[in-house]
Amino acid sequence: MKRSDLTDFSVEEEGFKLAIRRNSTDLPAGAVTQYSMPPFPVGADQAGALGQNNASAVPVNGNAGGGVDKEEVGITYIKSPMVGTFYRSSSPENAPFVDQNAKVSESSVVCIIEAMKIMNEIQAETKGTVLEVLAENGQPVEYGQKLFKIKVG
């Protein structure tokens, strides 16, 4: 905006409105300007399709897990490093990479996440025993979603 000497900019489209205004006085480096904008409206039909209730479309605390976990001594989770489709094995005919009670090392492949037609092998990155598989084979997963519960050691 400064380079183009713009002071105001606004756009409105299908219930979404964004307005930005630049003050004529320059802010010091590192200063933060806060803009207020109402949340994106989610109708009941859209919320149902997204599997959400109307209470909130975004977690209030910003935690993708949906809440603060209580510390479990000796327990860690293998989380999804990306958005994609979770697969427990390299093909439907093959056995899963790991099952419950399987021992894993840091380099053990535990699953595959398909993202944009690329099969990404996910390693345990910890040493321990699989206590629980938390994702369903062939189902979509989100970034940071817990995939496996691991007892460290």
Protein backbone atom coordinates (compact mmCIF):
# COMPACT_ATOMS: atom_id res chain seq x y z
CA MET A 1 0.00 0.00 0.00
CA LYS A 2 2.83 2.34 0.83
CA ARG A 3 4.61 1.72 -2.47
CA SER A 4 1.40 2.44 -4.43
CA ASP A 5 0.51 5.39 -2.20
CA LEU A 6 -2.82 3.78 -1.22
CA THR A 7 -4.49 4.82 2.03
CA ASP A 8 -7.70 2.77 1.83
CA PHE A 9 -8.57 -0.61 0.34
CA SER A 10 -11.80 -2.56 0.64
CA VAL A 11 -13.35 -5.58 -1.02
CA GLU A 12 -16.76 -7.15 -0.51
CA GLU A 13 -17.93 -10.47 -1.92
CA GLU A 14 -20.83 -12.75 -0.92
CA GLY A 15 -21.08 -11.71 2.72
CA PHE A 16 -17.32 -11.24 3.18
CA LYS A 17 -15.99 -7.74 3.65
CA LEU A 18 -12.39 -6.67 4.15
CA ALA A 19 -11.31 -3.08 4.68
CA ILE A 20 -7.73 -1.93 5.26
CA ARG A 21 -6.72 1.65 6.01
CA ARG A 22 -3.18 3.00 6.22
CA ASN A 23 -2.59 5.95 8.49
CA SER A 24 -0.70 8.88 7.06
CA THR A 25 1.84 8.64 9.89
CA ASP A 26 4.32 5.81 9.66
CA LEU A 27 4.38 3.27 12.47
CA PRO A 28 7.66 2.39 14.15
CA ALA A 29 9.31 -0.87 13.08
CA GLY A 30 7.75 -3.86 14.83
CA ALA A 31 4.48 -2.08 15.61
CA VAL A 32 1.35 -4.18 15.26
CA THR A 33 -1.91 -2.84 13.91
CA GLN A 34 -5.03 -4.81 14.79
CA TYR A 35 -8.05 -5.00 12.50
CA SER A 36 -11.39 -6.28 13.67
CA MET A 37 -13.42 -8.49 11.38
CA PRO A 38 -16.50 -10.57 12.15
CA PRO A 39 -16.04 -14.34 11.84
CA PHE A 40 -16.88 -15.99 8.54
CA PRO A 41 -20.55 -17.03 8.78
CA VAL A 42 -21.19 -20.78 8.70
CA GLY A 43 -24.78 -21.79 8.07
CA ALA A 44 -26.31 -24.87 9.70
CA ASP A 45 -26.20 -26.76 6.38
CA GLN A 46 -22.49 -25.98 5.91
CA ALA A 47 -21.61 -26.79 9.53
CA GLY A 48 -23.23 -30.21 9.21
CA ALA A 49 -21.29 -30.89 6.03
CA LEU A 50 -18.07 -29.90 7.77
CA GLY A 51 -18.89 -32.07 10.79
CA GLN A 52 -18.99 -29.06 13.10
CA ASN A 53 -21.59 -27.57 15.36
CA ASN A 54 -22.50 -23.89 15.17
CA ALA A 55 -20.60 -23.04 18.36
CA SER A 56 -17.27 -22.34 16.69
CA ALA A 57 -15.63 -23.13 13.37
CA VAL A 58 -12.12 -22.56 14.77
CA PRO A 59 -10.81 -23.82 18.12
CA VAL A 60 -10.71 -20.93 20.59
CA ASN A 61 -7.27 -21.83 21.91
CA GLY A 62 -5.83 -22.39 18.43
CA ASN A 63 -4.88 -25.98 19.28
CA ALA A 64 -5.66 -28.31 16.38
CA GLY A 65 -6.15 -31.13 18.90
CA GLY A 66 -9.21 -29.35 20.28
CA GLY A 67 -7.93 -28.83 23.82
CA VAL A 68 -4.97 -28.93 26.15
CA ASP A 69 -3.78 -32.47 26.82
CA LYS A 70 -3.04 -33.56 30.34
CA GLU A 71 0.55 -34.69 30.63
CA GLU A 72 0.78 -38.46 30.51
CA VAL A 73 4.11 -39.63 31.88
CA GLY A 74 5.92 -41.85 29.40
CA ILE A 75 3.32 -41.30 26.64
CA THR A 76 3.86 -39.46 23.37
CA TYR A 77 1.92 -39.18 20.12
CA ILE A 78 2.92 -39.49 16.51
CA LYS A 79 1.14 -36.60 14.82
CA SER A 80 0.42 -35.97 11.17
CA PRO A 81 2.98 -33.61 9.63
CA MET A 82 0.55 -32.71 6.81
CA VAL A 83 -3.01 -32.80 5.54
CA GLY A 84 -3.76 -35.90 3.49
CA THR A 85 -5.18 -39.41 3.47
CA PHE A 86 -3.95 -41.87 6.12
CA TYR A 87 -2.95 -45.39 5.09
CA ARG A 88 -1.73 -48.07 7.52
CA SER A 89 0.01 -50.11 4.79
CA SER A 90 1.71 -49.59 1.44
CA SER A 91 -1.14 -51.35 -0.41
CA PRO A 92 -4.49 -52.92 0.51
CA GLU A 93 -2.99 -56.43 0.14
CA ASN A 94 -0.10 -55.75 2.54
CA ALA A 95 -0.17 -55.98 6.33
CA PRO A 96 -0.15 -52.68 8.29
CA PHE A 97 3.26 -51.15 8.99
CA VAL A 98 2.51 -51.31 12.75
CA ASP A 99 -0.26 -52.70 14.93
CA GLN A 100 -1.13 -52.24 18.57
CA ASN A 101 1.70 -53.46 20.87
CA ALA A 102 4.27 -53.22 18.05
CA LYS A 103 7.75 -51.97 18.97
CA VAL A 104 8.96 -48.97 16.97
CA SER A 105 12.28 -47.15 16.67
CA GLU A 106 12.99 -43.63 15.49
CA SER A 107 13.33 -44.76 11.86
CA SER A 108 10.35 -47.17 11.80
CA VAL A 109 7.79 -46.36 9.10
CA VAL A 110 4.39 -46.35 10.82
CA CYS A 111 2.06 -45.21 8.02
CA ILE A 112 1.73 -43.40 4.71
CA ILE A 113 -0.01 -40.08 4.18
CA GLU A 114 -1.04 -39.36 0.62
CA ALA A 115 -0.98 -35.68 -0.21
CA MET A 116 -1.44 -34.39 -3.77
CA LYS A 117 -0.93 -37.90 -5.22
CA ILE A 118 2.41 -38.27 -3.41
CA MET A 119 2.83 -41.11 -0.92
CA ASN A 120 4.74 -39.82 2.13
CA GLU A 121 6.17 -42.41 4.53
CA ILE A 122 5.82 -41.25 8.12
CA GLN A 123 8.45 -42.39 10.60
CA ALA A 124 7.90 -42.87 14.33
CA GLU A 125 10.74 -40.46 15.30
CA THR A 126 10.57 -42.00 18.79
CA LYS A 127 11.37 -45.35 20.36
CA GLY A 128 8.59 -47.21 22.13
CA THR A 129 5.49 -49.39 21.89
CA VAL A 130 2.30 -48.58 19.97
CA LEU A 131 -0.53 -48.40 22.50
CA GLU A 132 -3.26 -47.30 20.13
CA VAL A 133 -3.86 -46.47 16.46
CA LEU A 134 -5.90 -43.25 16.51
CA ALA A 135 -6.66 -42.76 12.80
CA GLU A 136 -8.80 -44.85 10.45
CA ASN A 137 -7.27 -46.40 7.34
CA GLY A 138 -8.21 -44.51 4.17
CA GLN A 139 -9.59 -41.51 6.06
CA PRO A 140 -8.47 -37.87 5.75
CA VAL A 141 -6.20 -36.47 8.47
CA GLU A 142 -5.33 -32.90 9.41
CA TYR A 143 -1.99 -31.31 10.19
CA GLY A 144 -1.11 -32.04 13.82
CA GLN A 145 -3.76 -34.74 14.21
CA LYS A 146 -2.74 -37.57 16.54
CA LEU A 147 -2.20 -40.79 14.58
CA PHE A 148 -0.61 -43.15 17.11
CA LYS A 149 -0.34 -43.24 20.91
CA ILE A 150 3.14 -44.44 21.92
CA LYS A 151 4.54 -45.63 25.26
CA VAL A 152 8.09 -44.29 25.26
CA GLY A 153 10.91 -46.66 26.09
